[in-house]
Amino acid sequence: NILGGLDRPSSGRLTHRGEDLSGADEAELTLFRR
């Protein structure tokens, strides 16, 4: 769920092709999933 942007980690860092998703807001995560 964290890999797919359905949930957020409490700590740590997730990147998609080098782009940091850790601080993405809901709109940005929705665009990533879509």
All heavy atoms as atom14 arrays in JSON, in Angstrom:
{
  "sequence": "NILGGLDRPSSGRLTHRGEDLSGADEAELTLFRR",
  "atom14_mask": [
    [1, 1, 1, 1, 1, 1, 1, 1, 0, 0, 0, 0, 0, 0],
    [1, 1, 1, 1, 1, 1, 1, 1, 0, 0, 0, 0, 0, 0],
    [1, 1, 1, 1, 1, 1, 1, 1, 0, 0, 0, 0, 0, 0],
    [1, 1, 1, 1, 0, 0, 0, 0, 0, 0, 0, 0, 0, 0],
    [1, 1, 1, 1, 0, 0, 0, 0, 0, 0, 0, 0, 0, 0],
    [1, 1, 1, 1, 1, 1, 1, 1, 0, 0, 0, 0, 0, 0],
    [1, 1, 1, 1, 1, 1, 1, 1, 0, 0, 0, 0, 0, 0],
    [1, 1, 1, 1, 1, 1, 1, 1, 1, 1, 1, 0, 0, 0],
    [1, 1, 1, 1, 1, 1, 1, 0, 0, 0, 0, 0, 0, 0],
    [1, 1, 1, 1, 1, 1, 0, 0, 0, 0, 0, 0, 0, 0],
    [1, 1, 1, 1, 1, 1, 0, 0, 0, 0, 0, 0, 0, 0],
    [1, 1, 1, 1, 0, 0, 0, 0, 0, 0, 0, 0, 0, 0],
    [1, 1, 1, 1, 1, 1, 1, 1, 1, 1, 1, 0, 0, 0],
    [1, 1, 1, 1, 1, 1, 1, 1, 0, 0, 0, 0, 0, 0],
    [1, 1, 1, 1, 1, 1, 1, 0, 0, 0, 0, 0, 0, 0],
    [1, 1, 1, 1, 1, 1, 1, 1, 1, 1, 0, 0, 0, 0],
    [1, 1, 1, 1, 1, 1, 1, 1, 1, 1, 1, 0, 0, 0],
    [1, 1, 1, 1, 0, 0, 0, 0, 0, 0, 0, 0, 0, 0],
    [1, 1, 1, 1, 1, 1, 1, 1, 1, 0, 0, 0, 0, 0],
    [1, 1, 1, 1, 1, 1, 1, 1, 0, 0, 0, 0, 0, 0],
    [1, 1, 1, 1, 1, 1, 1, 1, 0, 0, 0, 0, 0, 0],
    [1, 1, 1, 1, 1, 1, 0, 0, 0, 0, 0, 0, 0, 0],
    [1, 1, 1, 1, 0, 0, 0, 0, 0, 0, 0, 0, 0, 0],
    [1, 1, 1, 1, 1, 0, 0, 0, 0, 0, 0, 0, 0, 0],
    [1, 1, 1, 1, 1, 1, 1, 1, 0, 0, 0, 0, 0, 0],
    [1, 1, 1, 1, 1, 1, 1, 1, 1, 0, 0, 0, 0, 0],
    [1, 1, 1, 1, 1, 0, 0, 0, 0, 0, 0, 0, 0, 0],
    [1, 1, 1, 1, 1, 1, 1, 1, 1, 0, 0, 0, 0, 0],
    [1, 1, 1, 1, 1, 1, 1, 1, 0, 0, 0, 0, 0, 0],
    [1, 1, 1, 1, 1, 1, 1, 0, 0, 0, 0, 0, 0, 0],
    [1, 1, 1, 1, 1, 1, 1, 1, 0, 0, 0, 0, 0, 0],
    [1, 1, 1, 1, 1, 1, 1, 1, 1, 1, 1, 0, 0, 0],
    [1, 1, 1, 1, 1, 1, 1, 1, 1, 1, 1, 0, 0, 0],
    [1, 1, 1, 1, 1, 1, 1, 1, 1, 1, 1, 0, 0, 0]
  ],
  "atom14_positions": [
    [[0.82, -1.21, 0.0], [0.0, 0.0, 0.0], [0.85, 1.27, 0.0], [0.49, 2.27, -0.63], [-0.94, 0.0, 1.21], [-2.06, -1.01, 1.07], [-2.38, -1.46, -0.02], [-2.66, -1.37, 2.19], [0.0, 0.0, 0.0], [0.0, 0.0, 0.0], [0.0, 0.0, 0.0], [0.0, 0.0, 0.0], [0.0, 0.0, 0.0], [0.0, 0.0, 0.0]],
    [[1.98, 1.22, 0.69], [2.89, 2.37, 0.68], [3.53, 2.52, -0.7], [3.62, 3.63, -1.24], [3.95, 2.23, 1.78], [3.3, 2.41, 3.17], [5.09, 3.24, 1.59], [4.23, 2.13, 4.33], [0.0, 0.0, 0.0], [0.0, 0.0, 0.0], [0.0, 0.0, 0.0], [0.0, 0.0, 0.0], [0.0, 0.0, 0.0], [0.0, 0.0, 0.0]],
    [[3.95, 1.41, -1.3], [4.55, 1.48, -2.63], [3.58, 2.07, -3.65], [3.99, 2.79, -4.56], [4.98, 0.08, -3.09], [6.11, -0.6, -2.3], [6.3, -2.02, -2.79], [7.4, 0.19, -2.43], [0.0, 0.0, 0.0], [0.0, 0.0, 0.0], [0.0, 0.0, 0.0], [0.0, 0.0, 0.0], [0.0, 0.0, 0.0], [0.0, 0.0, 0.0]],
    [[2.29, 1.76, -3.49], [1.3, 2.24, -4.44], [0.7, 3.58, -4.12], [-0.19, 4.06, -4.85], [0.0, 0.0, 0.0], [0.0, 0.0, 0.0], [0.0, 0.0, 0.0], [0.0, 0.0, 0.0], [0.0, 0.0, 0.0], [0.0, 0.0, 0.0], [0.0, 0.0, 0.0], [0.0, 0.0, 0.0], [0.0, 0.0, 0.0], [0.0, 0.0, 0.0]],
    [[1.14, 4.22, -3.06], [0.62, 5.53, -2.71], [-0.76, 5.5, -2.09], [-1.44, 6.53, -2.01], [0.0, 0.0, 0.0], [0.0, 0.0, 0.0], [0.0, 0.0, 0.0], [0.0, 0.0, 0.0], [0.0, 0.0, 0.0], [0.0, 0.0, 0.0], [0.0, 0.0, 0.0], [0.0, 0.0, 0.0], [0.0, 0.0, 0.0], [0.0, 0.0, 0.0]],
    [[-1.19, 4.31, -1.61], [-2.47, 4.21, -0.91], [-2.32, 4.54, 0.57], [-3.3, 4.84, 1.25], [-3.05, 2.8, -1.05], [-3.52, 2.4, -2.45], [-3.95, 0.94, -2.45], [-4.65, 3.29, -2.93], [0.0, 0.0, 0.0], [0.0, 0.0, 0.0], [0.0, 0.0, 0.0], [0.0, 0.0, 0.0], [0.0, 0.0, 0.0], [0.0, 0.0, 0.0]],
    [[-1.1, 4.43, 1.07], [-0.8, 4.73, 2.47], [0.53, 5.46, 2.51], [1.3, 5.44, 1.54], [-0.74, 3.43, 3.28], [-0.82, 3.64, 4.78], [-1.02, 4.8, 5.2], [-0.66, 2.66, 5.53], [0.0, 0.0, 0.0], [0.0, 0.0, 0.0], [0.0, 0.0, 0.0], [0.0, 0.0, 0.0], [0.0, 0.0, 0.0], [0.0, 0.0, 0.0]],
    [[0.8, 6.11, 3.63], [2.04, 6.86, 3.8], [2.88, 6.2, 4.9], [2.33, 5.73, 5.89], [1.75, 8.29, 4.22], [0.92, 9.11, 3.25], [0.51, 10.41, 3.92], [-0.34, 11.2, 3.08], [0.11, 12.09, 2.18], [1.41, 12.26, 2.04], [-0.73, 12.79, 1.45], [0.0, 0.0, 0.0], [0.0, 0.0, 0.0], [0.0, 0.0, 0.0]],
    [[4.19, 6.19, 4.74], [5.03, 5.7, 5.83], [5.04, 6.68, 6.99], [4.93, 7.89, 6.81], [6.41, 5.58, 5.19], [6.4, 6.59, 4.1], [4.99, 6.64, 3.59], [0.0, 0.0, 0.0], [0.0, 0.0, 0.0], [0.0, 0.0, 0.0], [0.0, 0.0, 0.0], [0.0, 0.0, 0.0], [0.0, 0.0, 0.0], [0.0, 0.0, 0.0]],
    [[5.13, 6.14, 8.21], [5.3, 7.01, 9.38], [6.68, 7.65, 9.37], [6.86, 8.78, 9.85], [5.12, 6.19, 10.66], [3.85, 5.57, 10.69], [0.0, 0.0, 0.0], [0.0, 0.0, 0.0], [0.0, 0.0, 0.0], [0.0, 0.0, 0.0], [0.0, 0.0, 0.0], [0.0, 0.0, 0.0], [0.0, 0.0, 0.0], [0.0, 0.0, 0.0]],
    [[7.65, 6.92, 8.82], [8.99, 7.47, 8.63], [9.65, 6.7, 7.5], [9.17, 5.64, 7.07], [9.82, 7.36, 9.92], [9.97, 6.01, 10.31], [0.0, 0.0, 0.0], [0.0, 0.0, 0.0], [0.0, 0.0, 0.0], [0.0, 0.0, 0.0], [0.0, 0.0, 0.0], [0.0, 0.0, 0.0], [0.0, 0.0, 0.0], [0.0, 0.0, 0.0]],
    [[10.75, 7.23, 7.01], [11.43, 6.61, 5.88], [11.14, 7.39, 4.61], [10.41, 8.4, 4.61], [0.0, 0.0, 0.0], [0.0, 0.0, 0.0], [0.0, 0.0, 0.0], [0.0, 0.0, 0.0], [0.0, 0.0, 0.0], [0.0, 0.0, 0.0], [0.0, 0.0, 0.0], [0.0, 0.0, 0.0], [0.0, 0.0, 0.0], [0.0, 0.0, 0.0]],
    [[11.7, 6.91, 3.5], [11.65, 7.65, 2.24], [11.25, 6.71, 1.11], [11.81, 5.62, 0.97], [13.02, 8.27, 1.95], [13.08, 9.21, 0.76], [14.39, 9.99, 0.8], [14.51, 10.92, -0.33], [15.23, 10.67, -1.42], [15.91, 9.53, -1.52], [15.28, 11.56, -2.4], [0.0, 0.0, 0.0], [0.0, 0.0, 0.0], [0.0, 0.0, 0.0]],
    [[10.28, 7.14, 0.3], [9.87, 6.4, -0.89], [10.1, 7.29, -2.1], [9.68, 8.45, -2.12], [8.39, 6.02, -0.8], [7.83, 5.3, -2.04], [8.44, 3.91, -2.18], [6.31, 5.22, -1.96], [0.0, 0.0, 0.0], [0.0, 0.0, 0.0], [0.0, 0.0, 0.0], [0.0, 0.0, 0.0], [0.0, 0.0, 0.0], [0.0, 0.0, 0.0]],
    [[10.78, 6.75, -3.12], [11.01, 7.51, -4.34], [10.52, 6.74, -5.54], [10.58, 5.5, -5.59], [12.51, 7.85, -4.54], [13.26, 6.62, -4.6], [13.03, 8.71, -3.4], [0.0, 0.0, 0.0], [0.0, 0.0, 0.0], [0.0, 0.0, 0.0], [0.0, 0.0, 0.0], [0.0, 0.0, 0.0], [0.0, 0.0, 0.0], [0.0, 0.0, 0.0]],
    [[10.01, 7.47, -6.52], [9.6, 6.92, -7.81], [10.54, 7.49, -8.87], [10.51, 8.68, -9.15], [8.15, 7.29, -8.11], [7.75, 7.0, -9.53], [7.38, 7.97, -10.42], [7.7, 5.82, -10.21], [7.1, 7.43, -11.58], [7.29, 6.12, -11.49], [0.0, 0.0, 0.0], [0.0, 0.0, 0.0], [0.0, 0.0, 0.0], [0.0, 0.0, 0.0]],
    [[11.4, 6.63, -9.4], [12.42, 7.05, -10.37], [13.17, 8.29, -9.89], [13.37, 9.25, -10.64], [11.79, 7.27, -11.74], [11.23, 5.99, -12.37], [10.98, 6.14, -13.84], [10.51, 4.9, -14.43], [11.29, 3.91, -14.89], [12.61, 4.01, -14.78], [10.77, 2.82, -15.43], [0.0, 0.0, 0.0], [0.0, 0.0, 0.0], [0.0, 0.0, 0.0]],
    [[13.53, 8.26, -8.62], [14.31, 9.33, -8.04], [13.51, 10.49, -7.48], [14.07, 11.35, -6.8], [0.0, 0.0, 0.0], [0.0, 0.0, 0.0], [0.0, 0.0, 0.0], [0.0, 0.0, 0.0], [0.0, 0.0, 0.0], [0.0, 0.0, 0.0], [0.0, 0.0, 0.0], [0.0, 0.0, 0.0], [0.0, 0.0, 0.0], [0.0, 0.0, 0.0]],
    [[12.22, 10.54, -7.76], [11.38, 11.63, -7.26], [10.81, 11.24, -5.9], [10.17, 10.19, -5.75], [10.24, 11.92, -8.23], [9.34, 13.05, -7.78], [8.22, 13.33, -8.76], [8.25, 12.77, -9.87], [7.3, 14.1, -8.39], [0.0, 0.0, 0.0], [0.0, 0.0, 0.0], [0.0, 0.0, 0.0], [0.0, 0.0, 0.0], [0.0, 0.0, 0.0]],
    [[11.03, 12.09, -4.9], [10.61, 11.79, -3.54], [9.09, 11.91, -3.4], [8.51, 12.96, -3.69], [11.3, 12.75, -2.57], [11.17, 12.31, -1.12], [10.42, 11.36, -0.83], [11.84, 12.92, -0.26], [0.0, 0.0, 0.0], [0.0, 0.0, 0.0], [0.0, 0.0, 0.0], [0.0, 0.0, 0.0], [0.0, 0.0, 0.0], [0.0, 0.0, 0.0]],
    [[8.45, 10.79, -2.97], [7.01, 10.8, -2.74], [6.67, 10.93, -1.26], [5.48, 11.0, -0.92], [6.39, 9.51, -3.28], [6.46, 9.26, -4.79], [5.86, 7.9, -5.11], [5.75, 10.35, -5.56], [0.0, 0.0, 0.0], [0.0, 0.0, 0.0], [0.0, 0.0, 0.0], [0.0, 0.0, 0.0], [0.0, 0.0, 0.0], [0.0, 0.0, 0.0]],
    [[7.68, 10.96, -0.42], [7.43, 10.9, 1.02], [6.59, 12.07, 1.52], [5.75, 11.92, 2.41], [8.76, 10.86, 1.78], [9.57, 9.8, 1.31], [0.0, 0.0, 0.0], [0.0, 0.0, 0.0], [0.0, 0.0, 0.0], [0.0, 0.0, 0.0], [0.0, 0.0, 0.0], [0.0, 0.0, 0.0], [0.0, 0.0, 0.0], [0.0, 0.0, 0.0]],
    [[6.79, 13.23, 0.92], [6.04, 14.4, 1.37], [4.9, 14.79, 0.45], [4.35, 15.89, 0.58], [0.0, 0.0, 0.0], [0.0, 0.0, 0.0], [0.0, 0.0, 0.0], [0.0, 0.0, 0.0], [0.0, 0.0, 0.0], [0.0, 0.0, 0.0], [0.0, 0.0, 0.0], [0.0, 0.0, 0.0], [0.0, 0.0, 0.0], [0.0, 0.0, 0.0]],
    [[4.54, 13.88, -0.47], [3.48, 14.2, -1.43], [2.14, 14.37, -0.73], [1.82, 13.62, 0.21], [3.39, 13.11, -2.49], [0.0, 0.0, 0.0], [0.0, 0.0, 0.0], [0.0, 0.0, 0.0], [0.0, 0.0, 0.0], [0.0, 0.0, 0.0], [0.0, 0.0, 0.0], [0.0, 0.0, 0.0], [0.0, 0.0, 0.0], [0.0, 0.0, 0.0]],
    [[1.34, 15.33, -1.21], [0.0, 15.48, -0.65], [-0.97, 14.55, -1.38], [-0.58, 13.82, -2.31], [-0.46, 16.94, -0.71], [-0.53, 17.5, -2.14], [-0.68, 16.71, -3.09], [-0.44, 18.73, -2.28], [0.0, 0.0, 0.0], [0.0, 0.0, 0.0], [0.0, 0.0, 0.0], [0.0, 0.0, 0.0], [0.0, 0.0, 0.0], [0.0, 0.0, 0.0]],
    [[-2.23, 14.55, -0.98], [-3.2, 13.6, -1.53], [-3.37, 13.79, -3.03], [-3.5, 12.82, -3.79], [-4.54, 13.73, -0.82], [-4.59, 13.08, 0.55], [-4.25, 11.59, 0.5], [-4.65, 10.91, -0.47], [-3.56, 11.11, 1.41], [0.0, 0.0, 0.0], [0.0, 0.0, 0.0], [0.0, 0.0, 0.0], [0.0, 0.0, 0.0], [0.0, 0.0, 0.0]],
    [[-3.4, 15.05, -3.48], [-3.57, 15.3, -4.92], [-2.39, 14.74, -5.71], [-2.57, 14.14, -6.78], [-3.71, 16.8, -5.17], [0.0, 0.0, 0.0], [0.0, 0.0, 0.0], [0.0, 0.0, 0.0], [0.0, 0.0, 0.0], [0.0, 0.0, 0.0], [0.0, 0.0, 0.0], [0.0, 0.0, 0.0], [0.0, 0.0, 0.0], [0.0, 0.0, 0.0]],
    [[-1.18, 14.91, -5.19], [0.01, 14.39, -5.88], [0.04, 12.87, -5.89], [0.41, 12.24, -6.89], [1.27, 14.95, -5.21], [1.45, 16.45, -5.43], [2.5, 17.06, -4.53], [2.71, 16.56, -3.4], [3.13, 18.06, -4.95], [0.0, 0.0, 0.0], [0.0, 0.0, 0.0], [0.0, 0.0, 0.0], [0.0, 0.0, 0.0], [0.0, 0.0, 0.0]],
    [[-0.37, 12.25, -4.78], [-0.43, 10.79, -4.74], [-1.49, 10.25, -5.69], [-1.31, 9.21, -6.33], [-0.71, 10.3, -3.31], [0.46, 10.45, -2.32], [0.01, 10.0, -0.93], [1.68, 9.66, -2.77], [0.0, 0.0, 0.0], [0.0, 0.0, 0.0], [0.0, 0.0, 0.0], [0.0, 0.0, 0.0], [0.0, 0.0, 0.0], [0.0, 0.0, 0.0]],
    [[-2.61, 10.96, -5.8], [-3.66, 10.55, -6.74], [-3.13, 10.58, -8.17], [-3.37, 9.65, -8.95], [-4.89, 11.46, -6.6], [-5.43, 11.32, -5.29], [-5.96, 11.1, -7.63], [0.0, 0.0, 0.0], [0.0, 0.0, 0.0], [0.0, 0.0, 0.0], [0.0, 0.0, 0.0], [0.0, 0.0, 0.0], [0.0, 0.0, 0.0], [0.0, 0.0, 0.0]],
    [[-2.41, 11.62, -8.52], [-1.83, 11.71, -9.86], [-0.81, 10.6, -10.09], [-0.74, 10.03, -11.18], [-1.19, 13.08, -10.06], [-2.16, 14.27, -10.21], [-1.38, 15.57, -10.26], [-3.03, 14.11, -11.45], [0.0, 0.0, 0.0], [0.0, 0.0, 0.0], [0.0, 0.0, 0.0], [0.0, 0.0, 0.0], [0.0, 0.0, 0.0], [0.0, 0.0, 0.0]],
    [[0.0, 10.31, -9.07], [0.98, 9.22, -9.18], [0.27, 7.89, -9.44], [0.64, 7.15, -10.36], [1.8, 9.14, -7.88], [2.56, 7.86, -7.7], [3.62, 7.54, -8.53], [2.2, 6.96, -6.69], [4.33, 6.35, -8.37], [2.9, 5.78, -6.53], [3.95, 5.46, -7.37], [0.0, 0.0, 0.0], [0.0, 0.0, 0.0], [0.0, 0.0, 0.0]],
    [[-0.77, 7.6, -8.65], [-1.49, 6.34, -8.84], [-2.15, 6.28, -10.22], [-2.1, 5.25, -10.9], [-2.56, 6.17, -7.75], [-2.01, 5.98, -6.36], [-3.1, 5.55, -5.4], [-4.18, 6.52, -5.28], [-4.25, 7.47, -4.35], [-3.26, 7.58, -3.46], [-5.27, 8.3, -4.3], [0.0, 0.0, 0.0], [0.0, 0.0, 0.0], [0.0, 0.0, 0.0]],
    [[-2.76, 7.38, -10.61], [-3.49, 7.4, -11.89], [-2.55, 7.19, -13.07], [-2.87, 6.48, -14.03], [-4.24, 8.72, -12.03], [-5.08, 8.83, -13.29], [-5.83, 10.15, -13.33], [-6.78, 10.27, -12.23], [-7.47, 11.37, -11.97], [-7.29, 12.46, -12.7], [-8.32, 11.39, -10.97], [0.0, 0.0, 0.0], [0.0, 0.0, 0.0], [0.0, 0.0, 0.0]]
  ]
}
